[in-house]
């Protein structure tokens, strides 16, 4: 790495209706470096990249590129490419039915006598891939090759188009360990070529292995820029989550949950897992217990819960319900035995925005009972009225569209939906994200009340203080692995943060 700056972003502002996504954010990229862009959900990483690549318009600030004597305002990804900026996304943007060579040169094919020069395309594509030590038949359709090879081809295409800045957005999320090694080898070659790489990932191990510098965003604001080898992992985690590590030593456990012995096993798993999602894990949940899943974005929290619920089908291991073997291949299997799941993204996976509050409340119970036992209008109204009153849902009436309600009230409706099915296990993935403090407190109290009634709960939250208030035990995950379980005196912010970070707590990386 050298100190030659090839990209400078200063005072970047971006607002959406009612939301400030970025506020006065600075970012600098040097030639021949891997610069990790870190932050939790909603931190502003994706928005910053979209502004840089012209997907979103800039509201304030300026972007400068080496060799361009004026501020750059990209109006599209194509314009960004003209300035030497290319992006390879997690979801690979290639044409599966076209050949490898066609994908590399799509839109800029060499021509001879007015026609595509296939000999030249194939020869040049082979030469480009040779640089990255990728030996494949470039005349075959790209869909014939693995995700890892497709990603390498996407990177080769991006490098051939652009020679200054390469953005890699979660490039390792679908790769195995061997494929990650190959990707890192390619990244090292790109560094040697003087290309600056913006690396977005949620895997801490990868950040400390490949990156030279780290910029941390939180809530649309830049927390700071650091040399990777001088920022201990636990401090990185603390900064991402909004804590200063030195303060953690004085913070006491805020948990209000009284520790007690649990006897009746409800759910148990043995080496349950899904390739490319969550590595095999053992898990035990008792009746009336609230167990938290702690970790950073991408640690495997949601993936673990989705495998348990059957939203993602497990391909290894076995699950037991009250001591009996169960096969949960789909959410309906989980619902029938007594599970309920509140997903992290309520707008996409939770609510049915065009349906009424009443319809959103009764839909899961109706699905569980089947289309041959349709609820009458009177029954639907009675159920809706009961839970609107119980959860204090603020709505003009039961037939108001749920999309018109506040985020907190939408979340309460989803709670009502699942409580109506009388589940024995509730899986709550970020149940209080994006809602006001008052409603957040109500939901935390509801969780404890349900546990007191004998319901079992798996609770996921990015806020450690919230987890400590409701959880009697915590499972810590990192990079798709279950690392350990914490309970009793081990449940404290400092201990959890250190375990999530996984580094030496003395301050070393």
Protein backbone atom coordinates (compact mmCIF):
# COMPACT_ATOMS: atom_id res chain seq x y z
CA UNK A 1 0.00 0.00 0.00
CA UNK A 2 1.17 3.53 -0.72
CA UNK A 3 -0.13 6.90 0.43
CA UNK A 4 -1.42 8.06 -2.95
CA UNK A 5 -5.07 9.08 -2.54
CA UNK A 6 -7.30 7.98 -5.44
CA UNK A 7 -10.73 8.71 -3.96
CA UNK A 8 -11.87 11.41 -1.54
CA UNK A 9 -15.41 11.85 -0.24
CA UNK A 10 -15.97 14.89 1.98
CA UNK A 11 -19.03 16.00 3.94
CA UNK A 12 -21.36 13.55 2.23
CA UNK A 13 -25.05 14.14 3.03
CA UNK A 14 -27.99 12.01 1.96
CA UNK A 15 -31.58 12.31 3.16
CA UNK A 16 -34.69 10.31 2.45
CA UNK A 17 -38.20 11.37 3.52
CA UNK A 18 -38.05 11.62 7.30
CA UNK A 19 -34.62 9.99 7.51
CA UNK A 20 -31.04 11.31 7.44
CA UNK A 21 -29.12 8.39 5.94
CA UNK A 22 -25.71 10.12 5.85
CA UNK A 23 -24.53 13.22 7.68
CA UNK A 24 -21.20 14.90 6.85
CA UNK A 25 -19.46 11.61 6.14
CA UNK A 26 -15.80 11.61 5.06
CA UNK A 27 -14.07 8.69 3.35
CA UNK A 28 -10.64 8.36 1.73
CA UNK A 29 -9.26 5.51 -0.38
CA UNK A 30 -5.61 5.07 -1.31
CA UNK A 31 -4.00 3.29 -4.22
CA UNK A 32 -3.19 -0.36 -3.53
CA UNK A 33 -5.12 -0.69 -0.27
CA UNK A 34 -8.06 -2.70 1.02
CA UNK A 35 -10.24 -0.33 3.02
CA UNK A 36 -12.96 -2.04 5.08
CA UNK A 37 -16.25 -0.17 5.48
CA UNK A 38 -17.87 -1.36 8.69
CA UNK A 39 -21.16 -0.76 10.48
CA UNK A 40 -24.31 -2.46 11.66
CA UNK A 41 -27.67 -2.47 9.85
CA UNK A 42 -28.73 1.09 9.04
CA UNK A 43 -25.25 2.49 9.59
CA UNK A 44 -25.12 4.01 6.11
CA UNK A 45 -22.65 1.72 4.32
CA UNK A 46 -24.92 0.86 1.41
CA UNK A 47 -26.09 4.45 1.03
CA UNK A 48 -22.51 5.74 0.88
CA UNK A 49 -21.70 3.24 -1.87
CA UNK A 50 -24.89 4.09 -3.77
CA UNK A 51 -24.01 7.78 -3.66
CA UNK A 52 -20.48 7.03 -4.87
CA UNK A 53 -21.67 4.86 -7.75
CA UNK A 54 -24.55 7.09 -8.87
CA UNK A 55 -27.40 4.84 -7.73
CA UNK A 56 -28.53 7.61 -5.35
CA UNK A 57 -28.18 11.36 -5.88
CA UNK A 58 -25.85 13.33 -3.61
CA UNK A 59 -27.54 15.88 -1.32
CA UNK A 60 -24.37 17.53 -0.02
CA UNK A 61 -20.58 17.25 -0.01
CA UNK A 62 -18.21 16.38 -2.83
CA UNK A 63 -16.44 13.42 -4.42
CA UNK A 64 -13.01 13.72 -6.02
CA UNK A 65 -11.17 11.13 -8.13
CA UNK A 66 -7.46 11.12 -8.88
CA UNK A 67 -6.79 12.58 -12.30
CA UNK A 68 -10.07 14.50 -12.51
CA UNK A 69 -9.71 18.24 -11.93
CA UNK A 70 -13.26 18.83 -10.73
CA UNK A 71 -15.69 17.28 -8.20
CA UNK A 72 -17.40 14.17 -9.55
CA UNK A 73 -21.19 13.82 -9.51
CA UNK A 74 -22.13 10.37 -10.76
CA UNK A 75 -25.67 10.10 -12.10
CA UNK A 76 -25.47 6.36 -12.82
CA UNK A 77 -23.21 3.33 -12.31
CA UNK A 78 -22.21 3.66 -15.99
CA UNK A 79 -20.97 7.19 -15.37
CA UNK A 80 -19.08 6.01 -12.28
CA UNK A 81 -17.35 3.39 -14.42
CA UNK A 82 -16.10 6.15 -16.72
CA UNK A 83 -14.24 7.55 -13.70
CA UNK A 84 -12.78 4.14 -12.87
CA UNK A 85 -15.25 2.99 -10.19
CA UNK A 86 -16.81 -0.49 -10.38
CA UNK A 87 -18.84 -2.57 -7.95
CA UNK A 88 -19.25 -6.31 -7.48
CA UNK A 89 -22.35 -6.97 -5.40
CA UNK A 90 -23.23 -9.89 -3.16
CA UNK A 91 -25.89 -10.88 -5.69
CA UNK A 92 -23.75 -11.43 -8.77
CA UNK A 93 -24.98 -9.39 -11.72
CA UNK A 94 -24.13 -11.61 -14.68
CA UNK A 95 -26.16 -13.12 -17.54
CA UNK A 96 -26.33 -16.85 -16.75
CA UNK A 97 -27.12 -17.99 -20.31
CA UNK A 98 -24.18 -16.12 -21.87
CA UNK A 99 -20.62 -17.42 -22.01
CA UNK A 100 -17.90 -16.34 -19.60
CA UNK A 101 -16.25 -14.28 -22.35
CA UNK A 102 -19.54 -12.62 -23.31
CA UNK A 103 -20.16 -11.65 -19.69
CA UNK A 104 -16.72 -10.07 -19.39
CA UNK A 105 -17.14 -7.99 -22.56
CA UNK A 106 -20.90 -7.44 -22.48
CA UNK A 107 -21.71 -4.07 -24.07
CA UNK A 108 -18.15 -3.49 -25.30
CA UNK A 109 -17.49 -6.48 -27.55
CA UNK A 110 -14.53 -6.23 -29.96
CA UNK A 111 -15.80 -6.18 -33.53
CA UNK A 112 -14.40 -7.00 -36.95
CA UNK A 113 -16.06 -5.97 -40.20
CA UNK A 114 -19.07 -4.78 -38.18
CA UNK A 115 -19.54 -8.13 -36.46
CA UNK A 116 -18.52 -9.47 -33.05
CA UNK A 117 -14.96 -10.83 -33.18
CA UNK A 118 -15.46 -14.05 -31.21
CA UNK A 119 -11.85 -15.17 -31.54
CA UNK A 120 -10.61 -11.93 -29.97
CA UNK A 121 -13.26 -11.96 -27.23
CA UNK A 122 -12.39 -15.49 -26.18
CA UNK A 123 -8.65 -14.86 -26.36
CA UNK A 124 -8.81 -11.63 -24.32
CA UNK A 125 -11.16 -13.18 -21.75
CA UNK A 126 -8.71 -16.05 -21.24
CA UNK A 127 -5.83 -13.58 -20.83
CA UNK A 128 -7.74 -11.53 -18.25
CA UNK A 129 -8.62 -14.62 -16.20
CA UNK A 130 -5.03 -15.89 -16.45
CA UNK A 131 -3.95 -12.85 -14.43
CA UNK A 132 -6.09 -14.17 -11.58
CA UNK A 133 -5.01 -17.79 -12.16
CA UNK A 134 -8.52 -18.82 -13.17
CA UNK A 135 -8.36 -21.62 -15.73
CA UNK A 136 -11.81 -22.24 -17.23
CA UNK A 137 -13.35 -22.60 -20.66
CA UNK A 138 -14.50 -19.05 -21.43
CA UNK A 139 -16.80 -20.27 -24.23
CA UNK A 140 -19.11 -22.11 -21.82
CA UNK A 141 -22.16 -20.45 -20.21
CA UNK A 142 -21.33 -18.77 -16.88
CA UNK A 143 -24.16 -20.70 -15.21
CA UNK A 144 -22.06 -23.88 -15.62
CA UNK A 145 -19.62 -22.62 -13.00
CA UNK A 146 -19.75 -22.27 -9.23
CA UNK A 147 -20.73 -19.09 -7.40
CA UNK A 148 -17.05 -18.56 -6.55
CA UNK A 149 -16.00 -18.69 -10.21
CA UNK A 150 -18.87 -16.41 -11.19
CA UNK A 151 -17.70 -13.93 -8.57
CA UNK A 152 -14.14 -14.04 -9.90
CA UNK A 153 -15.48 -13.41 -13.41
CA UNK A 154 -17.50 -10.44 -12.12
CA UNK A 155 -14.36 -9.04 -10.48
CA UNK A 156 -12.31 -9.62 -13.65
CA UNK A 157 -14.97 -7.78 -15.67
CA UNK A 158 -15.03 -4.89 -13.17
CA UNK A 159 -11.23 -4.59 -13.18
CA UNK A 160 -11.08 -4.69 -16.97
CA UNK A 161 -13.65 -1.88 -17.17
CA UNK A 162 -12.22 0.17 -14.34
CA UNK A 163 -8.66 0.49 -13.10
CA UNK A 164 -8.90 2.70 -10.00
CA UNK A 165 -11.59 1.77 -7.48
CA UNK A 166 -13.18 -1.63 -6.93
CA UNK A 167 -16.06 -2.03 -4.44
CA UNK A 168 -16.62 -5.55 -3.12
CA UNK A 169 -19.97 -5.78 -1.31
CA UNK A 170 -20.14 -8.89 0.91
CA UNK A 171 -18.11 -10.92 -1.60
CA UNK A 172 -17.50 -13.92 0.69
CA UNK A 173 -21.03 -14.50 1.97
CA UNK A 174 -21.64 -17.45 -0.40
CA UNK A 175 -18.09 -18.84 -0.52
CA UNK A 176 -16.49 -21.72 1.35
CA UNK A 177 -13.08 -21.42 3.04
CA UNK A 178 -11.10 -22.57 -0.01
CA UNK A 179 -12.95 -20.12 -2.25
CA UNK A 180 -12.36 -17.28 0.21
CA UNK A 181 -8.63 -18.03 0.09
CA UNK A 182 -8.71 -17.73 -3.70
CA UNK A 183 -10.60 -14.45 -3.51
CA UNK A 184 -8.08 -13.02 -1.06
CA UNK A 185 -5.28 -14.07 -3.39
CA UNK A 186 -7.00 -12.14 -6.20
CA UNK A 187 -7.46 -9.12 -3.93
CA UNK A 188 -3.74 -9.17 -3.14
CA UNK A 189 -2.93 -9.15 -6.87
CA UNK A 190 -5.28 -6.19 -7.35
CA UNK A 191 -3.51 -4.33 -4.55
CA UNK A 192 -0.17 -4.96 -6.28
CA UNK A 193 -1.71 -3.47 -9.44
CA UNK A 194 -2.44 -0.28 -7.50
CA UNK A 195 -6.21 -0.72 -7.39
CA UNK A 196 -7.95 0.61 -4.31
CA UNK A 197 -10.54 -1.80 -2.87
CA UNK A 198 -13.50 -0.83 -0.68
CA UNK A 199 -14.34 -4.02 1.20
CA UNK A 200 -17.76 -4.41 2.83
CA UNK A 201 -18.15 -7.47 5.03
CA UNK A 202 -19.57 -8.51 8.38
CA UNK A 203 -16.85 -11.10 9.04
CA UNK A 204 -14.34 -9.73 11.56
CA UNK A 205 -11.78 -12.42 10.80
CA UNK A 206 -11.68 -11.32 7.16
CA UNK A 207 -11.37 -7.64 8.05
CA UNK A 208 -8.28 -8.26 10.16
CA UNK A 209 -6.83 -10.65 7.64
CA UNK A 210 -7.08 -8.62 4.42
CA UNK A 211 -7.79 -4.95 5.15
CA UNK A 212 -5.26 -2.16 5.68
CA UNK A 213 -7.63 0.45 7.09
CA UNK A 214 -11.14 0.55 8.55
CA UNK A 215 -13.81 3.25 8.43
CA UNK A 216 -16.71 2.78 10.84
CA UNK A 217 -20.18 4.23 10.30
CA UNK A 218 -23.00 4.33 12.83
CA UNK A 219 -26.45 5.84 12.26
CA UNK A 220 -25.27 7.67 9.15
CA UNK A 221 -22.29 9.30 10.88
CA UNK A 222 -18.62 8.45 10.54
CA UNK A 223 -17.30 7.21 13.88
CA UNK A 224 -13.71 7.22 12.72
CA UNK A 225 -10.98 5.91 10.41
CA UNK A 226 -8.34 3.53 11.79
CA UNK A 227 -5.30 1.54 10.75
CA UNK A 228 -6.45 -2.08 11.02
CA UNK A 229 -3.42 -3.28 12.94
CA UNK A 230 -3.88 -0.58 15.59
CA UNK A 231 -7.59 -1.17 16.31
CA UNK A 232 -8.27 -4.12 18.66
CA UNK A 233 -11.28 -6.18 17.69
CA UNK A 234 -13.19 -5.51 20.86
CA UNK A 235 -12.84 -1.78 20.27
CA UNK A 236 -14.09 -2.19 16.71
CA UNK A 237 -17.18 -4.00 18.01
CA UNK A 238 -17.73 -1.39 20.72
CA UNK A 239 -17.53 1.48 18.22
CA UNK A 240 -19.90 -0.24 15.81
CA UNK A 241 -22.44 -0.83 18.57
CA UNK A 242 -22.18 2.66 20.07
CA UNK A 243 -20.07 2.03 23.18
CA UNK A 244 -16.61 3.06 24.20
CA UNK A 245 -14.73 0.02 25.44
CA UNK A 246 -13.31 1.82 28.47
CA UNK A 247 -16.85 2.61 29.61
CA UNK A 248 -17.85 -1.06 29.57
CA UNK A 249 -15.78 -1.81 32.65
CA UNK A 250 -18.01 0.49 34.70
CA UNK A 251 -21.36 -0.61 33.22
CA UNK A 252 -23.21 -3.06 35.39
CA UNK A 253 -25.55 -5.75 34.17
CA UNK A 254 -28.92 -4.06 33.69
CA UNK A 255 -30.75 -7.38 33.50
CA UNK A 256 -34.00 -7.52 35.41
CA UNK A 257 -34.57 -11.20 34.75
CA UNK A 258 -34.31 -13.37 37.84
CA UNK A 259 -32.19 -16.45 37.32
CA UNK A 260 -33.98 -19.71 38.00
CA UNK A 261 -33.70 -23.37 37.26
CA UNK A 262 -35.57 -24.63 34.21
CA UNK A 263 -36.64 -28.25 34.02
CA UNK A 264 -38.89 -28.98 31.06
CA UNK A 265 -37.09 -29.11 27.73
CA UNK A 266 -39.08 -27.64 24.86
CA UNK A 267 -36.68 -27.49 21.92
CA UNK A 268 -33.33 -29.17 21.43
CA UNK A 269 -31.11 -29.36 18.38
CA UNK A 270 -28.08 -31.51 17.64
CA UNK A 271 -25.68 -30.22 14.98
CA UNK A 272 -28.49 -28.48 13.09
CA UNK A 273 -27.15 -26.35 10.27
CA UNK A 274 -27.36 -25.18 6.68
CA UNK A 275 -24.43 -24.97 4.29
CA UNK A 276 -23.53 -21.41 3.38
CA UNK A 277 -25.77 -20.02 6.12
CA UNK A 278 -25.15 -21.32 9.65
CA UNK A 279 -22.63 -23.93 10.74
CA UNK A 280 -23.92 -26.94 12.73
CA UNK A 281 -25.00 -25.96 16.25
CA UNK A 282 -26.37 -27.50 19.42
CA UNK A 283 -29.16 -25.57 21.11
CA UNK A 284 -31.42 -26.11 24.11
CA UNK A 285 -34.49 -24.14 25.15
CA UNK A 286 -36.63 -24.82 28.22
CA UNK A 287 -40.26 -24.03 28.83
CA UNK A 288 -40.67 -20.45 30.08
CA UNK A 289 -37.08 -19.48 29.18
CA UNK A 290 -35.94 -16.43 27.22
CA UNK A 291 -32.70 -17.11 25.37
CA UNK A 292 -30.94 -14.35 23.45
CA UNK A 293 -28.89 -14.72 20.28
CA UNK A 294 -26.08 -12.15 20.40
CA UNK A 295 -23.63 -11.09 17.71
CA UNK A 296 -22.96 -8.57 15.00
CA UNK A 297 -24.83 -8.27 11.72
CA UNK A 298 -24.13 -11.45 9.74
CA UNK A 299 -22.92 -13.39 12.77
CA UNK A 300 -25.58 -16.05 12.20
CA UNK A 301 -28.31 -14.88 14.61
CA UNK A 302 -31.11 -14.64 12.06
CA UNK A 303 -29.78 -17.62 10.13
CA UNK A 304 -29.97 -19.81 13.26
CA UNK A 305 -33.52 -18.75 13.98
CA UNK A 306 -34.63 -19.27 10.37
CA UNK A 307 -33.22 -22.82 10.34
CA UNK A 308 -34.98 -23.61 13.62
CA UNK A 309 -38.28 -22.31 12.22
CA UNK A 310 -37.89 -23.93 8.81
CA UNK A 311 -37.81 -20.64 6.89
CA UNK A 312 -34.46 -21.98 5.65
CA UNK A 313 -34.34 -25.76 5.46
CA UNK A 314 -31.57 -27.42 7.49
CA UNK A 315 -29.32 -29.82 5.60
CA UNK A 316 -27.55 -31.29 8.65
CA UNK A 317 -28.51 -32.34 12.17
CA UNK A 318 -31.68 -33.15 14.07
CA UNK A 319 -34.25 -31.23 16.13
CA UNK A 320 -36.37 -32.44 19.05
CA UNK A 321 -39.63 -31.00 20.40
CA UNK A 322 -40.42 -32.05 23.98
CA UNK A 323 -38.02 -34.96 23.52
CA UNK A 324 -39.55 -36.21 20.26
CA UNK A 325 -37.81 -36.04 16.88
CA UNK A 326 -39.31 -33.46 14.55
CA UNK A 327 -38.80 -32.61 10.88
CA UNK A 328 -39.25 -28.88 10.25
CA UNK A 329 -38.89 -28.45 6.50
CA UNK A 330 -41.06 -25.35 6.16
CA UNK A 331 -42.67 -22.66 8.36
CA UNK A 332 -46.02 -24.48 8.28
CA UNK A 333 -44.35 -27.48 9.96
CA UNK A 334 -43.12 -25.16 12.71
CA UNK A 335 -46.50 -23.47 13.12
CA UNK A 336 -48.31 -26.79 13.50
CA UNK A 337 -46.13 -27.91 16.41
CA UNK A 338 -46.40 -24.55 18.20
CA UNK A 339 -43.72 -22.16 16.93
CA UNK A 340 -44.14 -18.53 15.82
CA UNK A 341 -41.65 -16.24 14.11
CA UNK A 342 -41.44 -12.45 13.95
CA UNK A 343 -38.93 -11.69 11.16
CA UNK A 344 -36.35 -8.92 11.27
CA UNK A 345 -37.72 -7.05 8.26
CA UNK A 346 -41.38 -6.51 9.13
CA UNK A 347 -42.06 -4.46 5.99
CA UNK A 348 -40.89 -7.23 3.64
CA UNK A 349 -41.53 -10.44 5.60
CA UNK A 350 -43.91 -9.39 8.38
CA UNK A 351 -46.89 -7.31 7.38
CA UNK A 352 -49.21 -7.57 4.39
CA UNK A 353 -49.29 -3.82 3.69
CA UNK A 354 -52.39 -3.78 1.50
CA UNK A 355 -54.47 -5.81 3.98
CA UNK A 356 -56.32 -4.43 6.99
CA UNK A 357 -55.26 -4.66 10.63
CA UNK A 358 -57.95 -7.33 11.13
CA UNK A 359 -56.73 -9.40 8.19
CA UNK A 360 -53.10 -9.13 9.30
CA UNK A 361 -54.02 -10.35 12.78
CA UNK A 362 -56.04 -13.41 11.78
CA UNK A 363 -54.04 -14.55 8.75
CA UNK A 364 -51.64 -16.94 10.55
CA UNK A 365 -54.43 -18.67 12.51
CA UNK A 366 -56.45 -19.02 9.32
CA UNK A 367 -53.47 -20.55 7.54
CA UNK A 368 -52.96 -22.94 10.45
CA UNK A 369 -56.59 -24.11 10.51
CA UNK A 370 -56.82 -24.38 6.72
CA UNK A 371 -59.02 -23.02 3.98
CA UNK A 372 -61.75 -25.55 4.76
CA UNK A 373 -62.38 -23.93 8.15
CA UNK A 374 -62.79 -20.28 7.25
CA UNK A 375 -63.39 -17.89 10.13
CA UNK A 376 -66.57 -15.90 10.05
CA UNK A 377 -66.50 -12.11 9.98
CA UNK A 378 -67.79 -12.10 13.55
CA UNK A 379 -64.94 -14.34 14.73
CA UNK A 380 -62.35 -12.23 12.92
CA UNK A 381 -63.68 -9.04 14.46
CA UNK A 382 -63.74 -10.57 17.94
CA UNK A 383 -60.11 -11.74 17.67
CA UNK A 384 -58.96 -8.38 16.27
CA UNK A 385 -60.79 -6.39 18.96
CA UNK A 386 -59.35 -8.60 21.71
CA UNK A 387 -55.71 -8.15 20.70
CA UNK A 388 -56.01 -4.50 19.75
CA UNK A 389 -57.16 -3.88 23.31
CA UNK A 390 -54.67 -6.29 24.89
CA UNK A 391 -51.65 -4.78 23.10
CA UNK A 392 -52.99 -1.22 23.00
CA UNK A 393 -52.65 -1.04 19.21
CA UNK A 394 -53.38 2.46 17.98
CA UNK A 395 -55.53 2.20 14.85
CA UNK A 396 -58.60 4.13 13.62
CA UNK A 397 -60.47 0.82 13.30
CA UNK A 398 -59.87 -2.86 12.67
CA UNK A 399 -60.30 -2.46 8.91
CA UNK A 400 -57.75 0.33 8.49
CA UNK A 401 -54.83 -0.67 6.17
CA UNK A 402 -51.88 -1.75 8.29
CA UNK A 403 -49.52 0.28 6.07
CA UNK A 404 -51.05 3.45 7.57
CA UNK A 405 -50.00 2.52 11.13
CA UNK A 406 -46.75 3.55 12.80
CA UNK A 407 -43.85 1.09 12.87
CA UNK A 408 -44.44 0.30 16.53
CA UNK A 409 -48.12 -0.43 16.00
CA UNK A 410 -47.34 -2.57 12.95
CA UNK A 411 -45.02 -4.60 15.15
CA UNK A 412 -47.77 -5.01 17.74
CA UNK A 413 -50.12 -6.29 15.03
CA UNK A 414 -47.57 -8.96 14.10
CA UNK A 415 -47.32 -9.87 17.79
CA UNK A 416 -51.09 -10.15 17.91
CA UNK A 417 -51.06 -12.39 14.83
CA UNK A 418 -48.78 -14.92 16.47
CA UNK A 419 -50.24 -14.72 19.97
CA UNK A 420 -53.58 -15.62 18.41
CA UNK A 421 -52.08 -18.97 17.31
CA UNK A 422 -51.20 -19.68 20.99
CA UNK A 423 -47.58 -20.71 20.30
CA UNK A 424 -45.34 -22.41 22.81
CA UNK A 425 -42.23 -20.86 21.24
CA UNK A 426 -41.89 -17.30 19.95
CA UNK A 427 -38.86 -16.37 17.83
CA UNK A 428 -38.43 -12.58 17.92
CA UNK A 429 -35.86 -11.15 15.49
CA UNK A 430 -35.21 -7.45 16.27
CA UNK A 431 -38.77 -6.94 17.61
CA UNK A 432 -38.11 -3.37 18.77
CA UNK A 433 -35.96 -1.99 15.94
CA UNK A 434 -37.18 1.34 14.59
CA UNK A 435 -39.94 1.91 17.14
CA UNK A 436 -40.30 4.52 19.86
CA UNK A 437 -38.95 4.06 23.39
CA UNK A 438 -42.39 3.70 24.96
CA UNK A 439 -43.48 0.91 22.63
CA UNK A 440 -40.09 -0.73 23.00
CA UNK A 441 -40.57 -0.91 26.78
CA UNK A 442 -44.07 -2.33 26.32
CA UNK A 443 -42.73 -5.12 24.10
CA UNK A 444 -39.96 -5.96 26.58
CA UNK A 445 -42.55 -6.21 29.36
CA UNK A 446 -44.75 -8.38 27.16
CA UNK A 447 -41.84 -10.75 26.53
CA UNK A 448 -41.31 -11.19 30.27
CA UNK A 449 -45.04 -11.66 30.87
CA UNK A 450 -45.22 -14.35 28.19
CA UNK A 451 -42.24 -16.13 29.71
CA UNK A 452 -44.01 -15.97 33.08
CA UNK A 453 -46.97 -17.71 31.46
CA UNK A 454 -44.70 -20.55 30.34
CA UNK A 455 -44.00 -19.41 26.77
CA UNK A 456 -40.46 -19.96 25.52
CA UNK A 457 -38.77 -17.17 23.58
CA UNK A 458 -35.73 -16.80 21.34
CA UNK A 459 -34.85 -13.09 21.39
CA UNK A 460 -32.56 -11.33 18.90
CA UNK A 461 -31.54 -7.70 19.29
CA UNK A 462 -28.61 -5.48 18.33
CA UNK A 463 -29.01 -3.67 21.67
CA UNK A 464 -27.18 -5.56 24.38
CA UNK A 465 -28.91 -3.60 27.17
CA UNK A 466 -32.28 -4.78 25.84
CA UNK A 467 -31.09 -8.39 25.71
CA UNK A 468 -29.89 -8.18 29.29
CA UNK A 469 -33.29 -6.94 30.44
CA UNK A 470 -35.20 -9.93 29.13
CA UNK A 471 -32.80 -12.86 28.63
CA UNK A 472 -31.77 -15.43 31.21
CA UNK A 473 -29.11 -16.89 28.91
CA UNK A 474 -27.30 -15.78 25.76
CA UNK A 475 -25.90 -17.69 22.84
CA UNK A 476 -23.05 -15.75 21.18
CA UNK A 477 -22.45 -16.16 17.45
CA UNK A 478 -19.64 -14.98 15.21
CA UNK A 479 -19.06 -15.51 11.49
CA UNK A 480 -21.80 -18.13 11.22
CA UNK A 481 -20.57 -20.11 14.23
CA UNK A 482 -22.06 -20.60 17.67
CA UNK A 483 -19.14 -19.55 19.88
CA UNK A 484 -20.43 -20.07 23.41
CA UNK A 485 -23.27 -19.54 25.89
CA UNK A 486 -23.28 -17.02 28.72
CA UNK A 487 -25.45 -17.04 31.82
CA UNK A 488 -25.51 -15.90 35.45
CA UNK A 489 -22.56 -13.69 36.39
CA UNK A 490 -21.20 -13.95 32.84
CA UNK A 491 -24.10 -11.83 31.54
CA UNK A 492 -22.71 -8.33 31.31
CA UNK A 493 -22.05 -5.87 28.50
CA UNK A 494 -18.28 -6.08 28.81
CA UNK A 495 -18.22 -9.87 28.73
CA UNK A 496 -20.64 -10.09 25.81
CA UNK A 497 -18.75 -7.48 23.78
CA UNK A 498 -15.44 -9.26 24.31
CA UNK A 499 -16.94 -12.60 23.32
CA UNK A 500 -18.50 -11.15 20.17
CA UNK A 501 -15.16 -9.56 19.22
CA UNK A 502 -13.24 -12.76 19.74
CA UNK A 503 -9.89 -11.03 20.14
CA UNK A 504 -7.58 -10.87 23.10
CA UNK A 505 -9.35 -8.71 25.69
CA UNK A 506 -6.02 -7.21 26.71
CA UNK A 507 -6.18 -5.11 23.55
CA UNK A 508 -4.42 -7.19 20.91
CA UNK A 509 -6.04 -8.03 17.59
